[in-house]
Each structure stands twice: as structure tokens, then as C-alpha cells.
Amino acid sequence: VVGDLAILNTRSSVDHDGVIGSAAHIGPGCALAGGVTVGEEAFLGVGVSVTPGRTIGAGAVIGAGAAVVRDVPPRVVAIGVPARIVRSV
């Protein structure tokens, strides 16, 4: 499911049962495994990887190249491998 105004950039991949919220931005080369949910207005930078069944909250920002292996709450910035929260938005 892809919400209104969502952007799925070049070479991004959303596997089975994925949900992309309205106005979310999936950067180039992102790989979202099965069952991933991305909340409204979330932003995933270039090359983000997300493991199966994870949820990224509304308005969250995931830095380029991060590996999301745990759920990310709404309105936070997460970076690194594995992704860790560094601040609120």
C-alpha cells in the first residue's frame, strides 16, 4: 500500500505487505523487507535498509545508509548501523 503523495525514489524496493504512509519519502536505493510500515511524512535517506516487520513512525527521519533493525518511534532522527535514535524532530 502506498499513500497519497508518497515518493519511492530510484532503485528503492518495498517487499510484500509493505505500507508506505502519505507523503513519506523513500530515498534512492532503499531496501524495505516484507511487512515494513513507514508512517506519514517519514523520510528515509539514500540506501537505508529495514529488516522484516519493522515500523518507522510518522515524521521520523532515517539517515543515509542506516540499518533499521528495531521499530523507530514517531518524530525522531535515527542514524547508523544498526540505526540508533540521536534526537527528536
Protein backbone atom coordinates (compact mmCIF):
# COMPACT_ATOMS: atom_id res chain seq x y z
CA VAL A 1 0.00 0.00 0.00
CA VAL A 2 1.40 3.39 -0.99
CA GLY A 3 -0.24 6.53 0.41
CA ASP A 4 -1.00 9.74 -1.45
CA LEU A 5 1.99 11.97 -2.25
CA ALA A 6 4.49 9.29 -1.19
CA ILE A 7 7.79 9.20 -3.08
CA LEU A 8 9.51 5.92 -3.95
CA ASN A 9 12.82 7.02 -5.42
CA THR A 10 15.11 5.35 -7.95
CA ARG A 11 16.06 1.72 -7.17
CA SER A 12 14.06 1.65 -3.94
CA SER A 13 12.48 -1.69 -3.09
CA VAL A 14 9.37 -2.31 -1.00
CA ASP A 15 8.72 -6.01 -0.43
CA HIS A 16 5.45 -7.85 0.22
CA ASP A 17 2.89 -6.49 2.68
CA GLY A 18 4.65 -3.10 2.94
CA VAL A 19 2.76 0.05 3.88
CA ILE A 20 4.10 3.48 2.93
CA GLY A 21 2.23 6.37 4.56
CA SER A 22 1.04 9.55 2.88
CA ALA A 23 3.81 12.00 1.95
CA ALA A 24 6.56 9.61 3.09
CA HIS A 25 9.84 9.80 1.16
CA ILE A 26 11.78 6.61 0.43
CA GLY A 27 15.23 7.62 -0.83
CA PRO A 28 17.17 6.13 -3.73
CA GLY A 29 18.42 2.58 -3.20
CA CYS A 30 16.42 1.89 -0.03
CA ALA A 31 15.57 -1.76 0.68
CA LEU A 32 12.48 -2.42 2.79
CA ALA A 33 11.91 -6.08 3.66
CA GLY A 34 8.47 -7.68 3.95
CA GLY A 35 5.87 -6.28 6.31
CA VAL A 36 7.58 -2.92 6.85
CA THR A 37 5.38 0.06 7.72
CA VAL A 38 6.59 3.61 7.13
CA GLY A 39 4.47 6.32 8.75
CA GLU A 40 3.15 9.51 7.18
CA GLU A 41 5.78 12.15 6.30
CA ALA A 42 8.69 9.90 7.35
CA PHE A 43 11.95 10.36 5.43
CA LEU A 44 14.39 7.55 4.63
CA GLY A 45 17.74 8.72 3.26
CA VAL A 46 19.74 7.12 0.47
CA GLY A 47 20.42 3.40 0.90
CA VAL A 48 18.50 2.74 4.11
CA SER A 49 17.82 -0.94 4.85
CA VAL A 50 14.90 -2.07 7.00
CA THR A 51 14.54 -5.61 8.36
CA PRO A 52 11.24 -7.53 8.14
CA GLY A 53 8.24 -6.38 10.12
CA ARG A 54 9.70 -3.11 11.40
CA THR A 55 7.67 0.08 11.85
CA ILE A 56 9.04 3.56 11.26
CA GLY A 57 6.87 6.17 12.93
CA ALA A 58 5.25 9.21 11.35
CA GLY A 59 7.65 12.09 10.76
CA ALA A 60 10.75 10.05 11.62
CA VAL A 61 14.00 10.72 9.74
CA ILE A 62 16.37 7.83 9.00
CA GLY A 63 19.88 8.85 7.95
CA ALA A 64 21.56 7.67 4.76
CA GLY A 65 22.92 4.12 4.90
CA ALA A 66 21.25 3.26 8.20
CA ALA A 67 20.13 -0.27 9.01
CA VAL A 68 16.81 -0.31 10.87
CA VAL A 69 16.63 -3.48 12.95
CA ARG A 70 14.17 -2.25 15.62
CA ASP A 71 11.00 -0.19 15.43
CA VAL A 72 11.57 3.57 15.25
CA PRO A 73 9.10 5.82 17.10
CA PRO A 74 7.47 8.88 15.52
CA ARG A 75 9.32 12.17 15.11
CA VAL A 76 12.88 11.11 15.88
CA VAL A 77 16.15 11.06 13.93
CA ALA A 78 17.90 7.68 13.72
CA ILE A 79 21.31 7.05 12.14
CA GLY A 80 23.95 4.34 11.84
CA VAL A 81 24.32 0.59 11.67
CA PRO A 82 22.31 -0.52 13.49
CA ALA A 83 20.17 2.61 13.49
CA ARG A 84 20.05 4.41 16.82
CA ILE A 85 17.99 7.41 17.86
CA VAL A 86 20.06 10.58 18.23
CA ARG A 87 17.37 13.22 18.79
CA SER A 88 13.74 14.23 18.45
CA VAL A 89 12.43 16.14 15.45
